[in-house]
Amino acid sequence: MKVAVWDTYVTRKDGKVMHFDILVDENTTDTKQVFEYGKSYLKTVLQDGQPLTSNECRFCHIDKAPEEIENQILKNGFSIIEMENCY
């Protein structure tokens, strides 16, 4: 499966900047849906309510997904790769 990678930077409640990627099927074109996936993830790390718009999240590139990521996308519609300051 090829996935669209959305590069995301969200300011946490303590002022640090989180960096994570939202991965969705390459055919997902609804940016609002991608943002909703990101907001869903933010709730899991106790950062719900933080802004997540086109200012924080942008399409980056298409890539081939490993099987684990593909399975997460098939199950949940998205996958997250945590890069910096996610906890």
N, C-alpha and C. Protein backbone atom coordinates (compact mmCIF):
# COMPACT_ATOMS: atom_id res chain seq x y z
N MET A 1 0.85 -1.18 0.00
CA MET A 1 0.00 0.00 0.00
C MET A 1 0.89 1.24 0.00
N LYS A 2 0.51 2.19 -0.82
CA LYS A 2 1.18 3.49 -0.78
C LYS A 2 0.36 4.41 0.12
N VAL A 3 1.08 5.24 0.87
CA VAL A 3 0.42 6.13 1.83
C VAL A 3 0.84 7.57 1.59
N ALA A 4 -0.08 8.47 1.93
CA ALA A 4 0.22 9.90 1.94
C ALA A 4 0.73 10.24 3.34
N VAL A 5 1.85 10.93 3.38
CA VAL A 5 2.46 11.32 4.65
C VAL A 5 2.18 12.81 4.86
N TRP A 6 1.56 13.12 6.00
CA TRP A 6 1.24 14.50 6.36
C TRP A 6 2.13 14.91 7.53
N ASP A 7 3.02 15.83 7.28
CA ASP A 7 3.98 16.32 8.26
C ASP A 7 3.26 17.29 9.20
N THR A 8 3.32 17.02 10.51
CA THR A 8 2.49 17.76 11.45
C THR A 8 3.31 18.26 12.64
N TYR A 9 3.11 19.55 12.96
CA TYR A 9 3.75 20.19 14.10
C TYR A 9 2.65 20.87 14.91
N VAL A 10 2.46 20.41 16.15
CA VAL A 10 1.41 20.97 17.01
C VAL A 10 2.06 21.45 18.31
N THR A 11 1.72 22.67 18.72
CA THR A 11 2.21 23.18 19.99
C THR A 11 1.43 22.53 21.12
N ARG A 12 2.16 21.86 22.01
CA ARG A 12 1.53 21.20 23.15
C ARG A 12 1.06 22.24 24.17
N LYS A 13 0.29 21.78 25.14
CA LYS A 13 -0.23 22.66 26.18
C LYS A 13 0.88 23.27 27.03
N ASP A 14 2.05 22.61 27.09
CA ASP A 14 3.17 23.15 27.86
C ASP A 14 4.10 24.03 27.02
N GLY A 15 3.72 24.27 25.74
CA GLY A 15 4.49 25.15 24.88
C GLY A 15 5.51 24.46 23.98
N LYS A 16 5.84 23.19 24.28
CA LYS A 16 6.75 22.45 23.41
C LYS A 16 6.03 22.10 22.11
N VAL A 17 6.80 21.91 21.05
CA VAL A 17 6.20 21.58 19.76
C VAL A 17 6.35 20.08 19.49
N MET A 18 5.21 19.44 19.28
CA MET A 18 5.17 18.03 18.91
C MET A 18 5.38 17.92 17.40
N HIS A 19 6.11 16.92 16.98
CA HIS A 19 6.28 16.64 15.56
C HIS A 19 5.87 15.18 15.34
N PHE A 20 4.87 14.98 14.49
CA PHE A 20 4.45 13.62 14.15
C PHE A 20 3.94 13.61 12.72
N ASP A 21 3.91 12.42 12.13
CA ASP A 21 3.37 12.25 10.79
C ASP A 21 2.05 11.52 10.87
N ILE A 22 1.09 11.98 10.10
CA ILE A 22 -0.19 11.29 9.94
C ILE A 22 -0.10 10.57 8.60
N LEU A 23 -0.30 9.26 8.60
CA LEU A 23 -0.25 8.47 7.38
C LEU A 23 -1.64 7.97 7.05
N VAL A 24 -2.05 8.18 5.81
CA VAL A 24 -3.36 7.74 5.33
C VAL A 24 -3.17 7.09 3.95
N ASP A 25 -4.16 6.36 3.50
CA ASP A 25 -4.12 5.79 2.16
C ASP A 25 -3.85 6.91 1.15
N GLU A 26 -3.06 6.63 0.14
CA GLU A 26 -2.69 7.67 -0.83
C GLU A 26 -3.89 8.27 -1.55
N ASN A 27 -5.03 7.59 -1.56
CA ASN A 27 -6.22 8.09 -2.23
C ASN A 27 -7.08 8.98 -1.33
N THR A 28 -6.69 9.16 -0.09
CA THR A 28 -7.41 10.04 0.83
C THR A 28 -7.10 11.48 0.45
N THR A 29 -8.13 12.21 0.03
CA THR A 29 -7.94 13.60 -0.42
C THR A 29 -8.64 14.62 0.47
N ASP A 30 -9.42 14.16 1.42
CA ASP A 30 -10.18 15.05 2.29
C ASP A 30 -9.29 15.54 3.43
N THR A 31 -8.78 16.76 3.30
CA THR A 31 -7.87 17.29 4.33
C THR A 31 -8.55 17.38 5.69
N LYS A 32 -9.84 17.70 5.71
CA LYS A 32 -10.55 17.77 7.00
C LYS A 32 -10.52 16.42 7.70
N GLN A 33 -10.62 15.34 6.95
CA GLN A 33 -10.56 14.00 7.54
C GLN A 33 -9.16 13.74 8.12
N VAL A 34 -8.14 14.14 7.39
CA VAL A 34 -6.77 13.97 7.88
C VAL A 34 -6.60 14.74 9.19
N PHE A 35 -7.11 15.97 9.25
CA PHE A 35 -7.02 16.77 10.47
C PHE A 35 -7.78 16.08 11.61
N GLU A 36 -8.93 15.49 11.32
CA GLU A 36 -9.69 14.78 12.35
C GLU A 36 -8.91 13.59 12.89
N TYR A 37 -8.20 12.88 12.00
CA TYR A 37 -7.35 11.78 12.46
C TYR A 37 -6.29 12.32 13.41
N GLY A 38 -5.69 13.45 13.06
CA GLY A 38 -4.69 14.06 13.93
C GLY A 38 -5.26 14.47 15.27
N LYS A 39 -6.45 15.03 15.26
CA LYS A 39 -7.10 15.44 16.51
C LYS A 39 -7.43 14.22 17.36
N SER A 40 -7.82 13.13 16.73
CA SER A 40 -8.07 11.89 17.45
C SER A 40 -6.79 11.41 18.15
N TYR A 41 -5.68 11.47 17.45
CA TYR A 41 -4.40 11.11 18.05
C TYR A 41 -4.07 12.06 19.21
N LEU A 42 -4.28 13.36 19.04
CA LEU A 42 -3.97 14.31 20.10
C LEU A 42 -4.71 13.98 21.40
N LYS A 43 -5.95 13.49 21.29
CA LYS A 43 -6.70 13.10 22.48
C LYS A 43 -5.99 11.98 23.22
N THR A 44 -5.36 11.05 22.48
CA THR A 44 -4.71 9.91 23.12
C THR A 44 -3.46 10.31 23.89
N VAL A 45 -2.88 11.45 23.55
CA VAL A 45 -1.68 11.92 24.26
C VAL A 45 -2.00 13.16 25.11
N LEU A 46 -3.28 13.31 25.46
CA LEU A 46 -3.75 14.36 26.36
C LEU A 46 -3.47 15.77 25.86
N GLN A 47 -3.56 15.94 24.54
CA GLN A 47 -3.35 17.26 23.94
C GLN A 47 -4.58 17.70 23.15
N ASP A 48 -5.74 17.14 23.50
CA ASP A 48 -6.96 17.52 22.79
C ASP A 48 -7.24 19.00 22.99
N GLY A 49 -7.82 19.60 21.96
CA GLY A 49 -8.12 21.03 21.98
C GLY A 49 -7.03 21.89 21.36
N GLN A 50 -5.87 21.30 21.10
CA GLN A 50 -4.80 22.07 20.46
C GLN A 50 -5.13 22.23 18.98
N PRO A 51 -4.79 23.38 18.39
CA PRO A 51 -5.12 23.62 16.99
C PRO A 51 -4.42 22.61 16.07
N LEU A 52 -5.17 22.13 15.09
CA LEU A 52 -4.61 21.28 14.06
C LEU A 52 -5.32 21.64 12.76
N THR A 53 -4.66 22.48 11.98
CA THR A 53 -5.21 22.97 10.72
C THR A 53 -4.13 22.88 9.66
N SER A 54 -4.35 23.51 8.52
CA SER A 54 -3.33 23.54 7.47
C SER A 54 -2.08 24.30 7.91
N ASN A 55 -2.19 25.08 8.97
CA ASN A 55 -1.00 25.76 9.52
C ASN A 55 -0.07 24.77 10.22
N GLU A 56 -0.64 23.71 10.80
CA GLU A 56 0.13 22.74 11.55
C GLU A 56 0.41 21.44 10.78
N CYS A 57 -0.39 21.16 9.78
CA CYS A 57 -0.35 19.86 9.12
C CYS A 57 -0.39 20.03 7.60
N ARG A 58 0.64 19.50 6.92
CA ARG A 58 0.73 19.65 5.46
C ARG A 58 1.13 18.34 4.81
N PHE A 59 0.56 18.12 3.63
CA PHE A 59 0.96 16.96 2.84
C PHE A 59 2.44 17.06 2.55
N CYS A 60 3.16 15.94 2.69
CA CYS A 60 4.60 15.93 2.47
C CYS A 60 4.96 15.09 1.24
N HIS A 61 4.59 13.81 1.24
CA HIS A 61 4.96 12.94 0.13
C HIS A 61 4.17 11.63 0.18
N ILE A 62 4.33 10.83 -0.87
CA ILE A 62 3.75 9.48 -0.94
C ILE A 62 4.89 8.50 -0.71
N ASP A 63 4.60 7.44 0.05
CA ASP A 63 5.63 6.44 0.34
C ASP A 63 4.99 5.06 0.42
N LYS A 64 5.80 4.04 0.37
CA LYS A 64 5.35 2.66 0.53
C LYS A 64 5.29 2.36 2.02
N ALA A 65 4.17 1.80 2.47
CA ALA A 65 3.98 1.53 3.90
C ALA A 65 4.43 0.11 4.25
N PRO A 66 5.12 -0.04 5.38
CA PRO A 66 5.39 -1.39 5.88
C PRO A 66 4.07 -2.06 6.29
N GLU A 67 4.09 -3.36 6.44
CA GLU A 67 2.88 -4.12 6.74
C GLU A 67 2.18 -3.64 8.01
N GLU A 68 2.92 -3.34 9.06
CA GLU A 68 2.33 -2.89 10.32
C GLU A 68 1.53 -1.60 10.13
N ILE A 69 2.10 -0.65 9.41
CA ILE A 69 1.43 0.63 9.14
C ILE A 69 0.20 0.38 8.27
N GLU A 70 0.36 -0.44 7.25
CA GLU A 70 -0.76 -0.77 6.36
C GLU A 70 -1.93 -1.36 7.16
N ASN A 71 -1.63 -2.27 8.08
CA ASN A 71 -2.69 -2.88 8.90
C ASN A 71 -3.38 -1.84 9.77
N GLN A 72 -2.62 -0.90 10.33
CA GLN A 72 -3.22 0.16 11.15
C GLN A 72 -4.15 1.03 10.31
N ILE A 73 -3.73 1.35 9.10
CA ILE A 73 -4.55 2.19 8.22
C ILE A 73 -5.81 1.44 7.81
N LEU A 74 -5.69 0.17 7.49
CA LEU A 74 -6.86 -0.62 7.11
C LEU A 74 -7.85 -0.72 8.28
N LYS A 75 -7.35 -0.80 9.51
CA LYS A 75 -8.20 -0.92 10.69
C LYS A 75 -8.80 0.42 11.12
N ASN A 76 -7.95 1.48 11.16
CA ASN A 76 -8.36 2.76 11.76
C ASN A 76 -8.53 3.91 10.77
N GLY A 77 -8.06 3.73 9.54
CA GLY A 77 -8.12 4.82 8.56
C GLY A 77 -6.85 5.65 8.53
N PHE A 78 -5.99 5.49 9.55
CA PHE A 78 -4.76 6.28 9.64
C PHE A 78 -3.76 5.59 10.54
N SER A 79 -2.54 6.08 10.50
CA SER A 79 -1.48 5.66 11.41
C SER A 79 -0.67 6.90 11.76
N ILE A 80 -0.03 6.86 12.91
CA ILE A 80 0.78 7.98 13.38
C ILE A 80 2.22 7.51 13.57
N ILE A 81 3.15 8.31 13.10
CA ILE A 81 4.56 8.10 13.42
C ILE A 81 4.99 9.27 14.29
N GLU A 82 5.33 8.96 15.53
CA GLU A 82 5.75 10.00 16.48
C GLU A 82 7.23 10.32 16.25
N MET A 83 7.53 11.61 16.12
CA MET A 83 8.88 12.04 15.82
C MET A 83 9.54 12.74 17.02
N GLU A 84 8.92 13.81 17.53
CA GLU A 84 9.52 14.59 18.62
C GLU A 84 8.45 15.09 19.59
N ASN A 85 8.79 15.08 20.87
CA ASN A 85 7.96 15.69 21.93
C ASN A 85 6.51 15.22 21.96
N CYS A 86 6.30 13.95 21.65
CA CYS A 86 4.92 13.45 21.63
C CYS A 86 4.42 13.02 23.00
N TYR A 87 5.33 12.93 23.99
CA TYR A 87 4.91 12.57 25.35
C TYR A 87 5.54 13.50 26.35
